[in-house]
Amino acid sequence: MPGENIADIWKSFRFAADCGCFIPNISVATPYPGTELFDICLKNGYFARKFSLDDLFVRSFMIRTPEWDENKLREVMFWVSFT
């Protein structure tokens, strides 16, 4: 989510593991039109590419912030799937 950094994301994964959840359900924030998240992304220029309704599905990696981009999120999710 916007406002998180990569360290926050890893902290969430470690928390899930510490709680005994070794296969957490992981999804990527998707900015649906009409939501606060969509408005935040639009206002701050967080869309990774030109917005299209075709990109509205989980794991579309539509958001890019100053803290992370779609490539970094893919990398994190790759490593989480193997730990």
N, C-alpha and C. Protein backbone atom coordinates (compact mmCIF):
# COMPACT_ATOMS: atom_id res chain seq x y z
N MET A 1 0.85 -1.19 0.00
CA MET A 1 0.00 0.00 0.00
C MET A 1 0.89 1.24 0.00
N PRO A 2 0.44 2.31 -0.63
CA PRO A 2 1.20 3.55 -0.53
C PRO A 2 1.41 3.91 0.95
N GLY A 3 2.60 4.36 1.26
CA GLY A 3 2.96 4.67 2.65
C GLY A 3 3.83 3.58 3.25
N GLU A 4 3.76 2.36 2.71
CA GLU A 4 4.63 1.28 3.16
C GLU A 4 5.96 1.36 2.43
N ASN A 5 6.98 0.85 3.09
CA ASN A 5 8.25 0.68 2.39
C ASN A 5 8.56 -0.82 2.37
N ILE A 6 9.64 -1.18 1.71
CA ILE A 6 9.98 -2.60 1.57
C ILE A 6 10.20 -3.25 2.94
N ALA A 7 10.81 -2.52 3.87
CA ALA A 7 11.01 -3.07 5.22
C ALA A 7 9.67 -3.39 5.88
N ASP A 8 8.66 -2.54 5.68
CA ASP A 8 7.32 -2.79 6.24
C ASP A 8 6.72 -4.06 5.65
N ILE A 9 6.91 -4.25 4.35
CA ILE A 9 6.36 -5.43 3.69
C ILE A 9 6.99 -6.70 4.25
N TRP A 10 8.33 -6.70 4.40
CA TRP A 10 9.00 -7.87 4.98
C TRP A 10 8.58 -8.08 6.43
N LYS A 11 8.36 -7.00 7.17
CA LYS A 11 7.91 -7.12 8.56
C LYS A 11 6.56 -7.83 8.62
N SER A 12 5.68 -7.53 7.69
CA SER A 12 4.37 -8.21 7.64
C SER A 12 4.53 -9.70 7.38
N PHE A 13 5.44 -10.05 6.47
CA PHE A 13 5.68 -11.47 6.19
C PHE A 13 6.26 -12.19 7.41
N ARG A 14 7.20 -11.53 8.10
CA ARG A 14 7.79 -12.13 9.31
C ARG A 14 6.72 -12.30 10.39
N PHE A 15 5.82 -11.33 10.51
CA PHE A 15 4.74 -11.43 11.49
C PHE A 15 3.86 -12.64 11.18
N ALA A 16 3.51 -12.83 9.91
CA ALA A 16 2.69 -13.98 9.52
C ALA A 16 3.40 -15.28 9.86
N ALA A 17 4.71 -15.35 9.59
CA ALA A 17 5.47 -16.56 9.90
C ALA A 17 5.54 -16.79 11.40
N ASP A 18 5.74 -15.73 12.17
CA ASP A 18 5.80 -15.85 13.64
C ASP A 18 4.48 -16.33 14.21
N CYS A 19 3.38 -16.03 13.54
CA CYS A 19 2.06 -16.46 13.99
C CYS A 19 1.73 -17.88 13.53
N GLY A 20 2.66 -18.49 12.79
CA GLY A 20 2.43 -19.85 12.32
C GLY A 20 1.75 -19.92 10.96
N CYS A 21 1.60 -18.80 10.30
CA CYS A 21 0.98 -18.78 8.98
C CYS A 21 2.11 -18.80 7.95
N PHE A 22 2.44 -19.99 7.47
CA PHE A 22 3.57 -20.12 6.57
C PHE A 22 3.19 -20.02 5.11
N ILE A 23 1.92 -19.97 4.81
CA ILE A 23 1.46 -19.75 3.44
C ILE A 23 0.41 -18.63 3.48
N PRO A 24 0.85 -17.39 3.72
CA PRO A 24 -0.12 -16.30 3.81
C PRO A 24 -0.74 -16.01 2.45
N ASN A 25 -1.96 -15.53 2.44
CA ASN A 25 -2.63 -15.11 1.22
C ASN A 25 -2.11 -13.72 0.89
N ILE A 26 -1.35 -13.61 -0.17
CA ILE A 26 -0.71 -12.35 -0.52
C ILE A 26 -1.37 -11.78 -1.76
N SER A 27 -1.73 -10.53 -1.69
CA SER A 27 -2.26 -9.85 -2.87
C SER A 27 -1.62 -8.47 -2.96
N VAL A 28 -1.70 -7.92 -4.12
CA VAL A 28 -1.13 -6.60 -4.38
C VAL A 28 -2.29 -5.61 -4.43
N ALA A 29 -2.11 -4.48 -3.79
CA ALA A 29 -3.17 -3.46 -3.78
C ALA A 29 -3.54 -3.08 -5.21
N THR A 30 -4.82 -3.06 -5.48
CA THR A 30 -5.32 -2.72 -6.80
C THR A 30 -6.23 -1.49 -6.67
N PRO A 31 -5.89 -0.40 -7.34
CA PRO A 31 -6.65 0.85 -7.22
C PRO A 31 -7.90 0.87 -8.09
N TYR A 32 -9.02 0.41 -7.55
CA TYR A 32 -10.27 0.42 -8.30
C TYR A 32 -10.85 1.83 -8.37
N PRO A 33 -11.37 2.22 -9.54
CA PRO A 33 -12.00 3.55 -9.67
C PRO A 33 -13.09 3.73 -8.61
N GLY A 34 -13.14 4.93 -8.06
CA GLY A 34 -14.14 5.25 -7.05
C GLY A 34 -13.67 4.98 -5.63
N THR A 35 -12.46 4.40 -5.47
CA THR A 35 -11.94 4.13 -4.13
C THR A 35 -10.95 5.22 -3.71
N GLU A 36 -10.73 5.29 -2.42
CA GLU A 36 -9.76 6.24 -1.89
C GLU A 36 -8.36 5.93 -2.44
N LEU A 37 -8.03 4.64 -2.56
CA LEU A 37 -6.72 4.25 -3.08
C LEU A 37 -6.54 4.76 -4.51
N PHE A 38 -7.55 4.65 -5.34
CA PHE A 38 -7.48 5.16 -6.71
C PHE A 38 -7.21 6.66 -6.70
N ASP A 39 -7.94 7.40 -5.86
CA ASP A 39 -7.76 8.85 -5.78
C ASP A 39 -6.35 9.21 -5.31
N ILE A 40 -5.82 8.46 -4.34
CA ILE A 40 -4.45 8.71 -3.85
C ILE A 40 -3.44 8.48 -4.97
N CYS A 41 -3.62 7.39 -5.71
CA CYS A 41 -2.69 7.08 -6.80
C CYS A 41 -2.76 8.13 -7.90
N LEU A 42 -3.95 8.56 -8.23
CA LEU A 42 -4.13 9.57 -9.26
C LEU A 42 -3.50 10.90 -8.82
N LYS A 43 -3.79 11.32 -7.59
CA LYS A 43 -3.30 12.59 -7.06
C LYS A 43 -1.77 12.63 -6.99
N ASN A 44 -1.15 11.49 -6.61
CA ASN A 44 0.29 11.47 -6.39
C ASN A 44 1.10 10.90 -7.56
N GLY A 45 0.43 10.56 -8.66
CA GLY A 45 1.13 10.02 -9.81
C GLY A 45 1.72 8.64 -9.55
N TYR A 46 1.01 7.80 -8.79
CA TYR A 46 1.51 6.48 -8.42
C TYR A 46 1.18 5.38 -9.42
N PHE A 47 0.46 5.69 -10.48
CA PHE A 47 0.18 4.64 -11.46
C PHE A 47 1.46 4.29 -12.21
N ALA A 48 1.78 3.01 -12.27
CA ALA A 48 3.00 2.54 -12.92
C ALA A 48 2.94 2.72 -14.44
N ARG A 49 1.75 2.77 -14.96
CA ARG A 49 1.54 2.98 -16.40
C ARG A 49 0.17 3.64 -16.57
N LYS A 50 -0.14 4.02 -17.78
CA LYS A 50 -1.43 4.64 -18.05
C LYS A 50 -2.55 3.72 -17.56
N PHE A 51 -3.48 4.27 -16.81
CA PHE A 51 -4.55 3.48 -16.22
C PHE A 51 -5.44 2.89 -17.29
N SER A 52 -5.79 1.61 -17.11
CA SER A 52 -6.71 0.92 -18.00
C SER A 52 -7.57 -0.03 -17.16
N LEU A 53 -8.83 -0.12 -17.48
CA LEU A 53 -9.70 -1.05 -16.75
C LEU A 53 -9.25 -2.50 -16.94
N ASP A 54 -8.51 -2.79 -18.00
CA ASP A 54 -8.00 -4.14 -18.23
C ASP A 54 -6.97 -4.56 -17.19
N ASP A 55 -6.38 -3.59 -16.48
CA ASP A 55 -5.35 -3.89 -15.47
C ASP A 55 -5.91 -4.11 -14.08
N LEU A 56 -7.20 -4.09 -13.94
CA LEU A 56 -7.79 -4.19 -12.61
C LEU A 56 -7.98 -5.63 -12.16
N PHE A 57 -6.90 -6.25 -11.75
CA PHE A 57 -6.95 -7.57 -11.14
C PHE A 57 -5.80 -7.66 -10.14
N VAL A 58 -5.95 -8.53 -9.18
CA VAL A 58 -4.92 -8.69 -8.17
C VAL A 58 -3.63 -9.13 -8.86
N ARG A 59 -2.53 -8.57 -8.44
CA ARG A 59 -1.19 -8.80 -9.01
C ARG A 59 -0.98 -8.09 -10.34
N SER A 60 -1.72 -7.01 -10.57
CA SER A 60 -1.49 -6.23 -11.79
C SER A 60 -0.34 -5.25 -11.61
N PHE A 61 0.10 -5.04 -10.38
CA PHE A 61 1.23 -4.16 -10.08
C PHE A 61 1.05 -2.79 -10.73
N MET A 62 -0.10 -2.18 -10.48
CA MET A 62 -0.42 -0.88 -11.07
C MET A 62 0.19 0.29 -10.30
N ILE A 63 0.64 0.05 -9.07
CA ILE A 63 1.09 1.16 -8.23
C ILE A 63 2.61 1.19 -8.14
N ARG A 64 3.16 2.40 -8.22
CA ARG A 64 4.58 2.65 -8.03
C ARG A 64 4.67 3.88 -7.10
N THR A 65 5.41 3.75 -6.01
CA THR A 65 5.58 4.87 -5.08
C THR A 65 7.05 5.24 -4.99
N PRO A 66 7.39 6.31 -4.30
CA PRO A 66 8.81 6.63 -4.10
C PRO A 66 9.55 5.54 -3.34
N GLU A 67 8.85 4.72 -2.55
CA GLU A 67 9.48 3.68 -1.75
C GLU A 67 9.71 2.38 -2.52
N TRP A 68 8.88 2.07 -3.51
CA TRP A 68 8.98 0.82 -4.26
C TRP A 68 8.28 0.94 -5.60
N ASP A 69 8.63 0.01 -6.49
CA ASP A 69 7.97 -0.04 -7.80
C ASP A 69 7.51 -1.47 -8.07
N GLU A 70 6.89 -1.67 -9.22
CA GLU A 70 6.33 -2.98 -9.52
C GLU A 70 7.41 -4.06 -9.60
N ASN A 71 8.61 -3.72 -10.04
CA ASN A 71 9.68 -4.71 -10.12
C ASN A 71 10.14 -5.15 -8.73
N LYS A 72 10.25 -4.21 -7.80
CA LYS A 72 10.65 -4.55 -6.43
C LYS A 72 9.58 -5.42 -5.77
N LEU A 73 8.30 -5.12 -6.00
CA LEU A 73 7.24 -5.94 -5.42
C LEU A 73 7.27 -7.36 -6.00
N ARG A 74 7.50 -7.49 -7.29
CA ARG A 74 7.61 -8.83 -7.89
C ARG A 74 8.76 -9.60 -7.25
N GLU A 75 9.88 -8.92 -7.03
CA GLU A 75 11.05 -9.56 -6.40
C GLU A 75 10.71 -10.04 -5.00
N VAL A 76 10.05 -9.21 -4.20
CA VAL A 76 9.67 -9.59 -2.84
C VAL A 76 8.74 -10.79 -2.89
N MET A 77 7.75 -10.75 -3.75
CA MET A 77 6.79 -11.86 -3.83
C MET A 77 7.45 -13.15 -4.30
N PHE A 78 8.45 -13.04 -5.16
CA PHE A 78 9.20 -14.21 -5.61
C PHE A 78 9.89 -14.85 -4.40
N TRP A 79 10.59 -14.05 -3.59
CA TRP A 79 11.33 -14.60 -2.45
C TRP A 79 10.39 -15.15 -1.39
N VAL A 80 9.26 -14.50 -1.20
CA VAL A 80 8.31 -14.99 -0.20
C VAL A 80 7.77 -16.35 -0.61
N SER A 81 7.57 -16.56 -1.90
CA SER A 81 7.02 -17.84 -2.34
C SER A 81 7.99 -19.00 -2.12
N PHE A 82 9.29 -18.70 -1.90
CA PHE A 82 10.28 -19.74 -1.68
C PHE A 82 10.74 -19.85 -0.23
N THR A 83 10.18 -19.03 0.65
CA THR A 83 10.58 -19.11 2.06
C THR A 83 9.50 -19.74 2.89
